[in-house]
Amino acid sequence: MAKQLEITYVKSVASRPEYERRVMRALGLRRLHQTVVREDVPWVRGMIQRVRHLVEVKEVPEGTGEGQEIERA
């Protein structure tokens, strides 16, 4: 199983360039504080790099599937 990343939308795209808005939509992030799980592949890492100031990223523990709820502390 490939590693996965938990990406959380933490800062608004208001007043940000259009390419940053498009990257956030492509990652599946629509609303503040929304979290998505994506595969850890080079093109996802590249998108995260473009909007690193707007998101928080954590690696998902092994065995946690993309469709499963992730326990928050």
PDB file of N, CA and C in Angstrom:
ATOM      1  N   MET A   1       0.846  -1.182   0.000  1.00  0.00           N
ATOM      2  CA  MET A   1       0.000   0.000   0.000  1.00  0.00           C
ATOM      3  C   MET A   1       0.891   1.245   0.000  1.00  0.00           C
ATOM      4  N   ALA A   2       0.567   2.210  -0.841  1.00  0.00           N
ATOM      5  CA  ALA A   2       1.332   3.451  -0.923  1.00  0.00           C
ATOM      6  C   ALA A   2       1.064   4.321   0.303  1.00  0.00           C
ATOM      7  N   LYS A   3       2.035   5.128   0.650  1.00  0.00           N
ATOM      8  CA  LYS A   3       1.847   6.069   1.754  1.00  0.00           C
ATOM      9  C   LYS A   3       0.758   7.054   1.376  1.00  0.00           C
ATOM     10  N   GLN A   4       0.148   7.636   2.400  1.00  0.00           N
ATOM     11  CA  GLN A   4      -0.888   8.623   2.149  1.00  0.00           C
ATOM     12  C   GLN A   4      -0.619   9.868   2.975  1.00  0.00           C
ATOM     13  N   LEU A   5      -1.145  10.978   2.508  1.00  0.00           N
ATOM     14  CA  LEU A   5      -0.981  12.254   3.178  1.00  0.00           C
ATOM     15  C   LEU A   5      -2.338  12.816   3.559  1.00  0.00           C
ATOM     16  N   GLU A   6      -2.417  13.376   4.749  1.00  0.00           N
ATOM     17  CA  GLU A   6      -3.614  14.053   5.215  1.00  0.00           C
ATOM     18  C   GLU A   6      -3.360  15.549   5.019  1.00  0.00           C
ATOM     19  N   ILE A   7      -4.167  16.180   4.186  1.00  0.00           N
ATOM     20  CA  ILE A   7      -3.978  17.590   3.840  1.00  0.00           C
ATOM     21  C   ILE A   7      -5.154  18.381   4.400  1.00  0.00           C
ATOM     22  N   THR A   8      -4.868  19.391   5.220  1.00  0.00           N
ATOM     23  CA  THR A   8      -5.904  20.205   5.840  1.00  0.00           C
ATOM     24  C   THR A   8      -5.795  21.645   5.352  1.00  0.00           C
ATOM     25  N   TYR A   9      -6.913  22.198   4.935  1.00  0.00           N
ATOM     26  CA  TYR A   9      -7.025  23.575   4.428  1.00  0.00           C
ATOM     27  C   TYR A   9      -7.087  24.495   5.640  1.00  0.00           C
ATOM     28  N   VAL A  10      -6.037  25.315   5.875  1.00  0.00           N
ATOM     29  CA  VAL A  10      -5.979  26.135   7.083  1.00  0.00           C
ATOM     30  C   VAL A  10      -6.013  27.640   6.848  1.00  0.00           C
ATOM     31  N   LYS A  11      -5.753  28.097   5.620  1.00  0.00           N
ATOM     32  CA  LYS A  11      -5.745  29.533   5.350  1.00  0.00           C
ATOM     33  C   LYS A  11      -6.489  29.804   4.043  1.00  0.00           C
ATOM     34  N   SER A  12      -7.282  30.856   4.024  1.00  0.00           N
ATOM     35  CA  SER A  12      -8.142  31.171   2.893  1.00  0.00           C
ATOM     36  C   SER A  12      -7.370  31.537   1.626  1.00  0.00           C
ATOM     37  N   VAL A  13      -7.997  31.267   0.478  1.00  0.00           N
ATOM     38  CA  VAL A  13      -7.411  31.630  -0.808  1.00  0.00           C
ATOM     39  C   VAL A  13      -7.894  33.004  -1.275  1.00  0.00           C
ATOM     40  N   ALA A  14      -8.672  33.701  -0.458  1.00  0.00           N
ATOM     41  CA  ALA A  14      -9.103  35.053  -0.813  1.00  0.00           C
ATOM     42  C   ALA A  14      -7.857  35.914  -1.011  1.00  0.00           C
ATOM     43  N   SER A  15      -7.853  36.712  -2.039  1.00  0.00           N
ATOM     44  CA  SER A  15      -6.730  37.597  -2.390  1.00  0.00           C
ATOM     45  C   SER A  15      -5.480  36.833  -2.820  1.00  0.00           C
ATOM     46  N   ARG A  16      -5.624  35.577  -3.167  1.00  0.00           N
ATOM     47  CA  ARG A  16      -4.486  34.785  -3.643  1.00  0.00           C
ATOM     48  C   ARG A  16      -4.592  34.658  -5.160  1.00  0.00           C
ATOM     49  N   PRO A  17      -3.483  34.373  -5.837  1.00  0.00           N
ATOM     50  CA  PRO A  17      -3.518  34.227  -7.296  1.00  0.00           C
ATOM     51  C   PRO A  17      -4.416  33.061  -7.736  1.00  0.00           C
ATOM     52  N   GLU A  18      -4.896  33.156  -8.956  1.00  0.00           N
ATOM     53  CA  GLU A  18      -5.810  32.147  -9.504  1.00  0.00           C
ATOM     54  C   GLU A  18      -5.193  30.753  -9.512  1.00  0.00           C
ATOM     55  N   TYR A  19      -3.903  30.626  -9.794  1.00  0.00           N
ATOM     56  CA  TYR A  19      -3.299  29.294  -9.839  1.00  0.00           C
ATOM     57  C   TYR A  19      -3.351  28.615  -8.476  1.00  0.00           C
ATOM     58  N   GLU A  20      -3.252  29.381  -7.378  1.00  0.00           N
ATOM     59  CA  GLU A  20      -3.350  28.781  -6.046  1.00  0.00           C
ATOM     60  C   GLU A  20      -4.772  28.295  -5.783  1.00  0.00           C
ATOM     61  N   ARG A  21      -5.756  29.037  -6.230  1.00  0.00           N
ATOM     62  CA  ARG A  21      -7.157  28.619  -6.075  1.00  0.00           C
ATOM     63  C   ARG A  21      -7.410  27.320  -6.837  1.00  0.00           C
ATOM     64  N   ARG A  22      -6.849  27.232  -8.047  1.00  0.00           N
ATOM     65  CA  ARG A  22      -7.033  26.026  -8.861  1.00  0.00           C
ATOM     66  C   ARG A  22      -6.348  24.817  -8.251  1.00  0.00           C
ATOM     67  N   VAL A  23      -5.190  25.023  -7.667  1.00  0.00           N
ATOM     68  CA  VAL A  23      -4.476  23.916  -7.020  1.00  0.00           C
ATOM     69  C   VAL A  23      -5.285  23.403  -5.833  1.00  0.00           C
ATOM     70  N   MET A  24      -5.846  24.298  -5.042  1.00  0.00           N
ATOM     71  CA  MET A  24      -6.652  23.885  -3.882  1.00  0.00           C
ATOM     72  C   MET A  24      -7.859  23.070  -4.344  1.00  0.00           C
ATOM     73  N   ARG A  25      -8.513  23.507  -5.417  1.00  0.00           N
ATOM     74  CA  ARG A  25      -9.659  22.757  -5.946  1.00  0.00           C
ATOM     75  C   ARG A  25      -9.217  21.392  -6.465  1.00  0.00           C
ATOM     76  N   ALA A  26      -8.069  21.347  -7.124  1.00  0.00           N
ATOM     77  CA  ALA A  26      -7.567  20.081  -7.666  1.00  0.00           C
ATOM     78  C   ALA A  26      -7.221  19.096  -6.551  1.00  0.00           C
ATOM     79  N   LEU A  27      -6.799  19.603  -5.412  1.00  0.00           N
ATOM     80  CA  LEU A  27      -6.531  18.737  -4.265  1.00  0.00           C
ATOM     81  C   LEU A  27      -7.825  18.264  -3.606  1.00  0.00           C
ATOM     82  N   GLY A  28      -8.936  18.883  -3.954  1.00  0.00           N
ATOM     83  CA  GLY A  28     -10.228  18.498  -3.382  1.00  0.00           C
ATOM     84  C   GLY A  28     -10.597  19.317  -2.170  1.00  0.00           C
ATOM     85  N   LEU A  29      -9.916  20.434  -1.963  1.00  0.00           N
ATOM     86  CA  LEU A  29     -10.180  21.288  -0.811  1.00  0.00           C
ATOM     87  C   LEU A  29     -11.096  22.431  -1.220  1.00  0.00           C
ATOM     88  N   ARG A  30     -12.256  22.501  -0.587  1.00  0.00           N
ATOM     89  CA  ARG A  30     -13.256  23.505  -0.940  1.00  0.00           C
ATOM     90  C   ARG A  30     -13.496  24.499   0.199  1.00  0.00           C
ATOM     91  N   ARG A  31     -13.456  24.028   1.455  1.00  0.00           N
ATOM     92  CA  ARG A  31     -13.798  24.857   2.610  1.00  0.00           C
ATOM     93  C   ARG A  31     -12.659  24.860   3.631  1.00  0.00           C
ATOM     94  N   LEU A  32     -12.531  25.946   4.381  1.00  0.00           N
ATOM     95  CA  LEU A  32     -11.538  26.018   5.446  1.00  0.00           C
ATOM     96  C   LEU A  32     -11.745  24.879   6.442  1.00  0.00           C
ATOM     97  N   HIS A  33     -10.664  24.372   6.953  1.00  0.00           N
ATOM     98  CA  HIS A  33     -10.620  23.294   7.951  1.00  0.00           C
ATOM     99  C   HIS A  33     -11.073  21.946   7.401  1.00  0.00           C
ATOM    100  N   GLN A  34     -11.234  21.853   6.086  1.00  0.00           N
ATOM    101  CA  GLN A  34     -11.562  20.581   5.465  1.00  0.00           C
ATOM    102  C   GLN A  34     -10.280  19.762   5.343  1.00  0.00           C
ATOM    103  N   THR A  35     -10.388  18.455   5.531  1.00  0.00           N
ATOM    104  CA  THR A  35      -9.240  17.564   5.429  1.00  0.00           C
ATOM    105  C   THR A  35      -9.517  16.494   4.383  1.00  0.00           C
ATOM    106  N   VAL A  36      -8.527  16.245   3.536  1.00  0.00           N
ATOM    107  CA  VAL A  36      -8.618  15.180   2.541  1.00  0.00           C
ATOM    108  C   VAL A  36      -7.389  14.286   2.677  1.00  0.00           C
ATOM    109  N   VAL A  37      -7.524  13.049   2.205  1.00  0.00           N
ATOM    110  CA  VAL A  37      -6.410  12.106   2.209  1.00  0.00           C
ATOM    111  C   VAL A  37      -6.070  11.799   0.762  1.00  0.00           C
ATOM    112  N   ARG A  38      -4.809  11.986   0.411  1.00  0.00           N
ATOM    113  CA  ARG A  38      -4.338  11.740  -0.951  1.00  0.00           C
ATOM    114  C   ARG A  38      -3.107  10.849  -0.908  1.00  0.00           C
ATOM    115  N   GLU A  39      -2.886  10.122  -2.005  1.00  0.00           N
ATOM    116  CA  GLU A  39      -1.687   9.292  -2.124  1.00  0.00           C
ATOM    117  C   GLU A  39      -0.446  10.160  -2.136  1.00  0.00           C
ATOM    118  N   ASP A  40       0.627   9.653  -1.557  1.00  0.00           N
ATOM    119  CA  ASP A  40       1.902  10.368  -1.530  1.00  0.00           C
ATOM    120  C   ASP A  40       2.659  10.062  -2.816  1.00  0.00           C
ATOM    121  N   VAL A  41       2.342  10.830  -3.861  1.00  0.00           N
ATOM    122  CA  VAL A  41       2.982  10.671  -5.167  1.00  0.00           C
ATOM    123  C   VAL A  41       3.581  12.025  -5.565  1.00  0.00           C
ATOM    124  N   PRO A  42       4.540  12.016  -6.485  1.00  0.00           N
ATOM    125  CA  PRO A  42       5.242  13.260  -6.827  1.00  0.00           C
ATOM    126  C   PRO A  42       4.343  14.420  -7.252  1.00  0.00           C
ATOM    127  N   TRP A  43       3.313  14.177  -8.058  1.00  0.00           N
ATOM    128  CA  TRP A  43       2.490  15.291  -8.516  1.00  0.00           C
ATOM    129  C   TRP A  43       1.640  15.879  -7.395  1.00  0.00           C
ATOM    130  N   VAL A  44       1.237  15.077  -6.412  1.00  0.00           N
ATOM    131  CA  VAL A  44       0.513  15.621  -5.262  1.00  0.00           C
ATOM    132  C   VAL A  44       1.481  16.432  -4.403  1.00  0.00           C
ATOM    133  N   ARG A  45       2.701  15.936  -4.214  1.00  0.00           N
ATOM    134  CA  ARG A  45       3.721  16.690  -3.476  1.00  0.00           C
ATOM    135  C   ARG A  45       3.993  18.033  -4.149  1.00  0.00           C
ATOM    136  N   GLY A  46       4.009  18.049  -5.476  1.00  0.00           N
ATOM    137  CA  GLY A  46       4.229  19.290  -6.216  1.00  0.00           C
ATOM    138  C   GLY A  46       3.110  20.290  -5.995  1.00  0.00           C
ATOM    139  N   MET A  47       1.865  19.806  -5.987  1.00  0.00           N
ATOM    140  CA  MET A  47       0.732  20.689  -5.739  1.00  0.00           C
ATOM    141  C   MET A  47       0.791  21.242  -4.319  1.00  0.00           C
ATOM    142  N   ILE A  48       1.141  20.382  -3.362  1.00  0.00           N
ATOM    143  CA  ILE A  48       1.249  20.825  -1.970  1.00  0.00           C
ATOM    144  C   ILE A  48       2.339  21.889  -1.850  1.00  0.00           C
ATOM    145  N   GLN A  49       3.430  21.708  -2.556  1.00  0.00           N
ATOM    146  CA  GLN A  49       4.533  22.678  -2.512  1.00  0.00           C
ATOM    147  C   GLN A  49       4.067  24.069  -2.971  1.00  0.00           C
ATOM    148  N   ARG A  50       3.189  24.104  -3.980  1.00  0.00           N
ATOM    149  CA  ARG A  50       2.682  25.375  -4.501  1.00  0.00           C
ATOM    150  C   ARG A  50       1.807  26.128  -3.498  1.00  0.00           C
ATOM    151  N   VAL A  51       1.110  25.385  -2.614  1.00  0.00           N
ATOM    152  CA  VAL A  51       0.188  26.019  -1.664  1.00  0.00           C
ATOM    153  C   VAL A  51       0.562  25.697  -0.214  1.00  0.00           C
ATOM    154  N   ARG A  52       1.842  25.457   0.032  1.00  0.00           N
ATOM    155  CA  ARG A  52       2.288  25.032   1.362  1.00  0.00           C
ATOM    156  C   ARG A  52       1.951  26.032   2.462  1.00  0.00           C
ATOM    157  N   HIS A  53       1.775  27.308   2.121  1.00  0.00           N
ATOM    158  CA  HIS A  53       1.434  28.340   3.091  1.00  0.00           C
ATOM    159  C   HIS A  53      -0.068  28.351   3.416  1.00  0.00           C
ATOM    160  N   LEU A  54      -0.857  27.561   2.695  1.00  0.00           N
ATOM    161  CA  LEU A  54      -2.304  27.513   2.906  1.00  0.00           C
ATOM    162  C   LEU A  54      -2.782  26.200   3.530  1.00  0.00           C
ATOM    163  N   VAL A  55      -1.902  25.204   3.622  1.00  0.00           N
ATOM    164  CA  VAL A  55      -2.309  23.878   4.094  1.00  0.00           C
ATOM    165  C   VAL A  55      -1.353  23.353   5.166  1.00  0.00           C
ATOM    166  N   GLU A  56      -1.840  22.363   5.905  1.00  0.00           N
ATOM    167  CA  GLU A  56      -1.008  21.578   6.817  1.00  0.00           C
ATOM    168  C   GLU A  56      -1.030  20.152   6.296  1.00  0.00           C
ATOM    169  N   VAL A  57       0.116  19.485   6.342  1.00  0.00           N
ATOM    170  CA  VAL A  57       0.222  18.129   5.793  1.00  0.00           C
ATOM    171  C   VAL A  57       0.788  17.202   6.857  1.00  0.00           C
ATOM    172  N   LYS A  58       0.162  16.020   6.988  1.00  0.00           N
ATOM    173  CA  LYS A  58       0.633  14.966   7.890  1.00  0.00           C
ATOM    174  C   LYS A  58       0.611  13.654   7.141  1.00  0.00           C
ATOM    175  N   GLU A  59       1.534  12.767   7.473  1.00  0.00           N
ATOM    176  CA  GLU A  59       1.498  11.427   6.897  1.00  0.00           C
ATOM    177  C   GLU A  59       0.462  10.615   7.666  1.00  0.00           C
ATOM    178  N   VAL A  60      -0.310   9.825   6.940  1.00  0.00           N
ATOM    179  CA  VAL A  60      -1.329   8.969   7.547  1.00  0.00           C
ATOM    180  C   VAL A  60      -0.663   7.671   7.976  1.00  0.00           C
ATOM    181  N   PRO A  61      -0.960   7.190   9.190  1.00  0.00           N
ATOM    182  CA  PRO A  61      -0.382   5.923   9.640  1.00  0.00           C
ATOM    183  C   PRO A  61      -0.731   4.769   8.707  1.00  0.00           C
ATOM    184  N   GLU A  62       0.173   3.808   8.573  1.00  0.00           N
ATOM    185  CA  GLU A  62      -0.059   2.629   7.723  1.00  0.00           C
ATOM    186  C   GLU A  62      -1.331   1.922   8.164  1.00  0.00           C
ATOM    187  N   GLY A  63      -2.071   1.406   7.202  1.00  0.00           N
ATOM    188  CA  GLY A  63      -3.276   0.645   7.501  1.00  0.00           C
ATOM    189  C   GLY A  63      -4.535   1.487   7.533  1.00  0.00           C
ATOM    190  N   THR A  64      -4.398   2.818   7.500  1.00  0.00           N
ATOM    191  CA  THR A  64      -5.574   3.676   7.463  1.00  0.00           C
ATOM    192  C   THR A  64      -5.909   3.937   6.017  1.00  0.00           C
ATOM    193  N   GLY A  65      -7.080   3.483   5.578  1.00  0.00           N
ATOM    194  CA  GLY A  65      -7.469   3.619   4.182  1.00  0.00           C
ATOM    195  C   GLY A  65      -7.971   5.004   3.847  1.00  0.00           C
ATOM    196  N   GLU A  66      -8.044   5.300   2.551  1.00  0.00           N
ATOM    197  CA  GLU A  66      -8.489   6.615   2.100  1.00  0.00           C
ATOM    198  C   GLU A  66      -9.953   6.864   2.453  1.00  0.00           C
ATOM    199  N   GLY A  67     -10.778   5.833   2.464  1.00  0.00           N
ATOM    200  CA  GLY A  67     -12.188   6.000   2.747  1.00  0.00           C
ATOM    201  C   GLY A  67     -12.524   5.957   4.223  1.00  0.00           C
ATOM    202  N   GLN A  68     -11.539   5.750   5.076  1.00  0.00           N
ATOM    203  CA  GLN A  68     -11.797   5.624   6.505  1.00  0.00           C
ATOM    204  C   GLN A  68     -11.645   6.951   7.213  1.00  0.00           C
ATOM    205  N   GLU A  69     -12.358   7.072   8.348  1.00  0.00           N
ATOM    206  CA  GLU A  69     -12.253   8.260   9.176  1.00  0.00           C
ATOM    207  C   GLU A  69     -10.932   8.203   9.929  1.00  0.00           C
ATOM    208  N   ILE A  70     -10.266   9.344  10.028  1.00  0.00           N
ATOM    209  CA  ILE A  70      -8.990   9.412  10.729  1.00  0.00           C
ATOM    210  C   ILE A  70      -9.233   9.998  12.104  1.00  0.00           C
ATOM    211  N   GLU A  71      -8.743   9.319  13.133  1.00  0.00           N
ATOM    212  CA  GLU A  71      -8.939   9.755  14.502  1.00  0.00           C
ATOM    213  C   GLU A  71      -8.122  11.014  14.775  1.00  0.00           C
ATOM    214  N   ARG A  72      -8.765  12.019  15.349  1.00  0.00           N
ATOM    215  CA  ARG A  72      -8.104  13.290  15.644  1.00  0.00           C
ATOM    216  C   ARG A  72      -7.897  13.424  17.161  1.00  0.00           C
ATOM    217  N   ALA A  73      -6.753  13.963  17.530  1.00  0.00           N
ATOM    218  CA  ALA A  73      -6.463  14.148  18.961  1.00  0.00           C
ATOM    219  C   ALA A  73      -6.973  15.484  19.447  1.00  0.00           C
TER     220      ALA A  73
END
